[in-house]
N, C-alpha and C. Protein backbone atom coordinates (compact mmCIF):
# COMPACT_ATOMS: atom_id res chain seq x y z
N MET A 1 97.92 -19.38 -36.67
CA MET A 1 96.78 -20.28 -36.63
C MET A 1 96.11 -20.17 -35.26
N ASP A 2 94.81 -20.02 -35.29
CA ASP A 2 94.02 -19.91 -34.06
C ASP A 2 93.34 -21.25 -33.80
N ILE A 3 93.95 -22.06 -32.94
CA ILE A 3 93.46 -23.42 -32.71
C ILE A 3 92.04 -23.44 -32.15
N LEU A 4 91.69 -22.47 -31.30
CA LEU A 4 90.34 -22.43 -30.75
C LEU A 4 89.32 -22.04 -31.80
N LYS A 5 89.67 -21.10 -32.66
CA LYS A 5 88.77 -20.68 -33.74
C LYS A 5 88.48 -21.85 -34.68
N ILE A 6 89.52 -22.62 -35.00
CA ILE A 6 89.34 -23.77 -35.88
C ILE A 6 88.48 -24.83 -35.19
N THR A 7 88.75 -25.08 -33.92
CA THR A 7 87.98 -26.08 -33.18
C THR A 7 86.51 -25.69 -33.13
N LYS A 8 86.22 -24.42 -32.92
CA LYS A 8 84.82 -23.95 -32.93
C LYS A 8 84.21 -24.09 -34.31
N ALA A 9 84.99 -23.80 -35.35
CA ALA A 9 84.48 -23.88 -36.72
C ALA A 9 84.06 -25.30 -37.09
N ILE A 10 84.80 -26.29 -36.61
CA ILE A 10 84.45 -27.68 -36.94
C ILE A 10 83.56 -28.31 -35.88
N GLY A 11 83.11 -27.50 -34.92
CA GLY A 11 82.24 -27.99 -33.86
C GLY A 11 80.78 -28.10 -34.27
N ASN A 12 80.51 -27.97 -35.54
CA ASN A 12 79.17 -28.09 -36.09
C ASN A 12 79.20 -29.24 -37.09
N GLU A 13 78.24 -30.14 -37.01
CA GLU A 13 78.25 -31.35 -37.84
C GLU A 13 78.25 -31.02 -39.34
N THR A 14 77.46 -30.06 -39.74
CA THR A 14 77.40 -29.73 -41.17
C THR A 14 78.70 -29.13 -41.65
N ARG A 15 79.30 -28.25 -40.86
CA ARG A 15 80.58 -27.66 -41.27
C ARG A 15 81.66 -28.74 -41.35
N LEU A 16 81.65 -29.66 -40.43
CA LEU A 16 82.60 -30.78 -40.48
C LEU A 16 82.33 -31.65 -41.72
N ASN A 17 81.05 -31.87 -42.02
CA ASN A 17 80.69 -32.63 -43.22
C ASN A 17 81.19 -31.94 -44.48
N ILE A 18 81.06 -30.61 -44.55
CA ILE A 18 81.53 -29.87 -45.71
C ILE A 18 83.02 -30.12 -45.92
N LEU A 19 83.79 -30.05 -44.85
CA LEU A 19 85.23 -30.33 -44.96
C LEU A 19 85.48 -31.75 -45.45
N GLU A 20 84.70 -32.68 -44.95
CA GLU A 20 84.84 -34.08 -45.38
C GLU A 20 84.48 -34.23 -46.85
N TRP A 21 83.37 -33.63 -47.28
CA TRP A 21 82.95 -33.73 -48.68
C TRP A 21 84.00 -33.14 -49.62
N LEU A 22 84.59 -32.02 -49.20
CA LEU A 22 85.57 -31.34 -50.05
C LEU A 22 86.89 -32.10 -50.15
N LYS A 23 87.08 -33.07 -49.27
CA LYS A 23 88.30 -33.88 -49.34
C LYS A 23 88.32 -34.71 -50.62
N SER A 24 87.15 -35.21 -51.03
CA SER A 24 87.03 -36.01 -52.26
C SER A 24 85.85 -35.48 -53.08
N PRO A 25 86.01 -34.32 -53.69
CA PRO A 25 84.85 -33.70 -54.36
C PRO A 25 84.28 -34.52 -55.51
N GLU A 26 85.11 -35.23 -56.24
CA GLU A 26 84.62 -36.01 -57.37
C GLU A 26 83.63 -37.09 -56.93
N SER A 27 83.84 -37.66 -55.76
CA SER A 27 82.95 -38.72 -55.29
C SER A 27 81.80 -38.20 -54.44
N ASN A 28 81.85 -36.93 -54.04
CA ASN A 28 80.80 -36.40 -53.16
C ASN A 28 79.84 -35.43 -53.83
N PHE A 29 80.18 -34.96 -55.04
CA PHE A 29 79.34 -33.99 -55.73
C PHE A 29 79.13 -34.43 -57.17
N GLY A 30 78.00 -34.01 -57.73
CA GLY A 30 77.76 -34.25 -59.14
C GLY A 30 78.64 -33.35 -59.98
N PRO A 31 78.55 -33.47 -61.29
CA PRO A 31 79.39 -32.64 -62.15
C PRO A 31 79.02 -31.16 -62.03
N GLN A 32 80.02 -30.31 -62.23
CA GLN A 32 79.74 -28.88 -62.25
C GLN A 32 80.07 -28.35 -63.64
N GLU A 33 79.27 -27.35 -64.05
CA GLU A 33 79.38 -26.84 -65.41
C GLU A 33 80.70 -26.14 -65.69
N ILE A 34 81.18 -25.35 -64.74
CA ILE A 34 82.45 -24.67 -64.92
C ILE A 34 83.33 -24.94 -63.70
N GLY A 35 84.61 -24.76 -63.87
CA GLY A 35 85.53 -24.97 -62.76
C GLY A 35 85.95 -26.42 -62.63
N ASP A 36 87.19 -26.60 -62.25
CA ASP A 36 87.77 -27.92 -62.02
C ASP A 36 87.81 -28.18 -60.52
N PHE A 37 87.31 -29.34 -60.11
CA PHE A 37 87.26 -29.66 -58.68
C PHE A 37 88.60 -29.47 -57.99
N GLN A 38 89.67 -29.99 -58.59
CA GLN A 38 90.98 -29.93 -57.93
C GLN A 38 91.60 -28.55 -58.00
N LYS A 39 91.51 -27.91 -59.15
CA LYS A 39 92.15 -26.62 -59.34
C LYS A 39 91.35 -25.47 -58.71
N ASP A 40 90.04 -25.48 -58.94
CA ASP A 40 89.20 -24.35 -58.52
C ASP A 40 88.40 -24.61 -57.26
N GLY A 41 88.02 -25.85 -57.03
CA GLY A 41 87.18 -26.19 -55.89
C GLY A 41 85.77 -26.52 -56.33
N VAL A 42 84.85 -26.51 -55.39
CA VAL A 42 83.46 -26.90 -55.61
C VAL A 42 82.59 -25.65 -55.55
N CYS A 43 81.69 -25.53 -56.51
CA CYS A 43 80.77 -24.41 -56.55
C CYS A 43 79.85 -24.43 -55.32
N VAL A 44 79.59 -23.28 -54.77
CA VAL A 44 78.75 -23.18 -53.58
C VAL A 44 77.37 -23.80 -53.81
N THR A 45 76.88 -23.75 -55.03
CA THR A 45 75.56 -24.34 -55.34
C THR A 45 75.55 -25.84 -55.07
N LEU A 46 76.62 -26.52 -55.44
CA LEU A 46 76.70 -27.97 -55.20
C LEU A 46 76.79 -28.28 -53.71
N ILE A 47 77.51 -27.44 -52.97
CA ILE A 47 77.61 -27.64 -51.52
C ILE A 47 76.24 -27.44 -50.89
N GLN A 48 75.52 -26.42 -51.34
CA GLN A 48 74.18 -26.16 -50.81
C GLN A 48 73.24 -27.32 -51.11
N GLU A 49 73.27 -27.82 -52.34
CA GLU A 49 72.40 -28.94 -52.71
C GLU A 49 72.69 -30.17 -51.86
N LYS A 50 73.97 -30.47 -51.66
CA LYS A 50 74.34 -31.67 -50.89
C LYS A 50 73.92 -31.52 -49.43
N SER A 51 74.06 -30.32 -48.88
CA SER A 51 73.74 -30.12 -47.47
C SER A 51 72.24 -30.06 -47.21
N GLU A 52 71.47 -29.77 -48.27
CA GLU A 52 70.02 -29.62 -48.16
C GLU A 52 69.62 -28.49 -47.21
N LEU A 53 70.46 -27.46 -47.14
CA LEU A 53 70.18 -26.29 -46.32
C LEU A 53 69.98 -25.08 -47.21
N GLY A 54 69.46 -24.02 -46.64
CA GLY A 54 69.25 -22.80 -47.38
C GLY A 54 70.55 -22.12 -47.75
N GLN A 55 70.47 -21.26 -48.76
CA GLN A 55 71.65 -20.57 -49.26
C GLN A 55 72.30 -19.72 -48.18
N SER A 56 71.51 -19.01 -47.39
CA SER A 56 72.10 -18.13 -46.37
C SER A 56 72.80 -18.93 -45.28
N THR A 57 72.25 -20.08 -44.91
CA THR A 57 72.89 -20.93 -43.90
C THR A 57 74.21 -21.48 -44.41
N VAL A 58 74.21 -21.98 -45.64
CA VAL A 58 75.44 -22.53 -46.22
C VAL A 58 76.49 -21.42 -46.37
N SER A 59 76.08 -20.24 -46.82
CA SER A 59 77.02 -19.13 -46.95
C SER A 59 77.62 -18.76 -45.59
N HIS A 60 76.79 -18.78 -44.56
CA HIS A 60 77.28 -18.48 -43.21
C HIS A 60 78.30 -19.54 -42.77
N TYR A 61 77.98 -20.80 -42.98
CA TYR A 61 78.89 -21.88 -42.61
C TYR A 61 80.22 -21.78 -43.36
N LEU A 62 80.15 -21.50 -44.65
CA LEU A 62 81.36 -21.35 -45.44
C LEU A 62 82.18 -20.16 -44.97
N SER A 63 81.50 -19.09 -44.57
CA SER A 63 82.18 -17.91 -44.05
C SER A 63 82.95 -18.25 -42.77
N ILE A 64 82.35 -19.05 -41.91
CA ILE A 64 83.00 -19.47 -40.67
C ILE A 64 84.24 -20.31 -40.98
N LEU A 65 84.10 -21.25 -41.91
CA LEU A 65 85.24 -22.10 -42.29
C LEU A 65 86.34 -21.27 -42.96
N LEU A 66 85.95 -20.29 -43.77
CA LEU A 66 86.94 -19.39 -44.38
C LEU A 66 87.64 -18.56 -43.32
N GLY A 67 86.88 -18.06 -42.35
CA GLY A 67 87.44 -17.24 -41.28
C GLY A 67 88.43 -18.00 -40.43
N ALA A 68 88.26 -19.31 -40.34
CA ALA A 68 89.19 -20.16 -39.60
C ALA A 68 90.34 -20.63 -40.50
N ASN A 69 90.34 -20.18 -41.74
CA ASN A 69 91.37 -20.50 -42.73
C ASN A 69 91.38 -21.99 -43.11
N LEU A 70 90.23 -22.64 -42.95
CA LEU A 70 90.12 -24.05 -43.32
C LEU A 70 89.77 -24.24 -44.79
N LEU A 71 89.29 -23.18 -45.43
CA LEU A 71 88.92 -23.23 -46.84
C LEU A 71 89.62 -22.12 -47.60
N LYS A 72 89.71 -22.33 -48.91
CA LYS A 72 90.15 -21.30 -49.84
C LYS A 72 88.98 -21.04 -50.78
N ALA A 73 88.77 -19.79 -51.13
CA ALA A 73 87.69 -19.42 -52.04
C ALA A 73 88.26 -18.83 -53.32
N LYS A 74 87.57 -19.10 -54.43
CA LYS A 74 87.98 -18.56 -55.72
C LYS A 74 86.73 -18.15 -56.49
N ARG A 75 86.75 -16.93 -57.03
CA ARG A 75 85.64 -16.44 -57.85
C ARG A 75 85.92 -16.73 -59.31
N ILE A 76 84.92 -17.26 -59.98
CA ILE A 76 84.96 -17.41 -61.44
C ILE A 76 83.63 -16.85 -61.93
N GLY A 77 83.70 -15.68 -62.56
CA GLY A 77 82.47 -15.02 -62.98
C GLY A 77 81.63 -14.69 -61.77
N GLN A 78 80.39 -15.12 -61.79
CA GLN A 78 79.48 -14.85 -60.67
C GLN A 78 79.50 -15.94 -59.61
N TRP A 79 80.28 -16.97 -59.82
CA TRP A 79 80.28 -18.12 -58.92
C TRP A 79 81.49 -18.11 -57.99
N THR A 80 81.28 -18.66 -56.79
CA THR A 80 82.38 -18.84 -55.84
C THR A 80 82.60 -20.33 -55.64
N PHE A 81 83.86 -20.71 -55.68
CA PHE A 81 84.26 -22.11 -55.53
C PHE A 81 85.10 -22.25 -54.26
N TYR A 82 84.92 -23.37 -53.58
CA TYR A 82 85.61 -23.60 -52.32
C TYR A 82 86.38 -24.91 -52.36
N LYS A 83 87.57 -24.87 -51.76
CA LYS A 83 88.33 -26.10 -51.56
C LYS A 83 89.04 -26.01 -50.21
N ARG A 84 89.45 -27.16 -49.73
CA ARG A 84 90.09 -27.24 -48.43
C ARG A 84 91.46 -26.57 -48.45
N ASN A 85 91.82 -25.97 -47.33
CA ASN A 85 93.16 -25.44 -47.15
C ASN A 85 93.95 -26.52 -46.41
N GLU A 86 94.56 -27.41 -47.17
CA GLU A 86 95.23 -28.58 -46.60
C GLU A 86 96.37 -28.18 -45.67
N GLU A 87 97.05 -27.10 -45.97
CA GLU A 87 98.15 -26.65 -45.13
C GLU A 87 97.66 -26.31 -43.71
N THR A 88 96.57 -25.58 -43.62
CA THR A 88 96.01 -25.23 -42.31
C THR A 88 95.50 -26.47 -41.59
N ILE A 89 94.85 -27.36 -42.32
CA ILE A 89 94.32 -28.58 -41.70
C ILE A 89 95.45 -29.41 -41.11
N ARG A 90 96.54 -29.58 -41.88
CA ARG A 90 97.69 -30.35 -41.37
C ARG A 90 98.30 -29.68 -40.13
N ALA A 91 98.46 -28.37 -40.19
CA ALA A 91 99.05 -27.64 -39.06
C ALA A 91 98.16 -27.73 -37.83
N TYR A 92 96.86 -27.64 -38.03
CA TYR A 92 95.91 -27.75 -36.92
C TYR A 92 96.02 -29.12 -36.26
N LEU A 93 95.99 -30.16 -37.07
CA LEU A 93 96.06 -31.52 -36.52
C LEU A 93 97.37 -31.75 -35.76
N GLU A 94 98.46 -31.25 -36.30
CA GLU A 94 99.75 -31.40 -35.63
C GLU A 94 99.77 -30.61 -34.32
N SER A 95 99.26 -29.40 -34.34
CA SER A 95 99.22 -28.57 -33.14
C SER A 95 98.34 -29.20 -32.07
N LEU A 96 97.20 -29.72 -32.49
CA LEU A 96 96.29 -30.36 -31.54
C LEU A 96 96.94 -31.60 -30.93
N LYS A 97 97.63 -32.36 -31.76
CA LYS A 97 98.33 -33.55 -31.27
C LYS A 97 99.38 -33.18 -30.22
N GLN A 98 100.12 -32.12 -30.48
CA GLN A 98 101.14 -31.66 -29.53
C GLN A 98 100.53 -31.19 -28.21
N LYS A 99 99.39 -30.49 -28.31
CA LYS A 99 98.77 -29.91 -27.11
C LYS A 99 98.15 -30.97 -26.20
N ILE A 100 97.57 -32.01 -26.78
CA ILE A 100 96.84 -32.96 -25.93
C ILE A 100 97.56 -34.30 -25.75
N ARG A 101 98.76 -34.37 -26.20
CA ARG A 101 99.55 -35.59 -26.05
C ARG A 101 99.88 -35.85 -24.63
């Protein structure tokens, strides 16, 4: 785990919001036609609509979060779904707590 890479990844308000939204997808996004929120994650289209940003910006932000291992991605047909990587998030928080205690 790269603690600095993760810290940089969440150093942007929208990227942090995406992580927050994905924590409770049922309450933060409308229904999606395919894919299960818990099993598959949230379709990138719903994330883009909620963020009110362009597709390329959202894709870039998701790429940064994926690169920091904060998200997991799953392809279903032509769609990509994202969900939080809870294991990495827990490890990051524990590591950060140890470092700055």
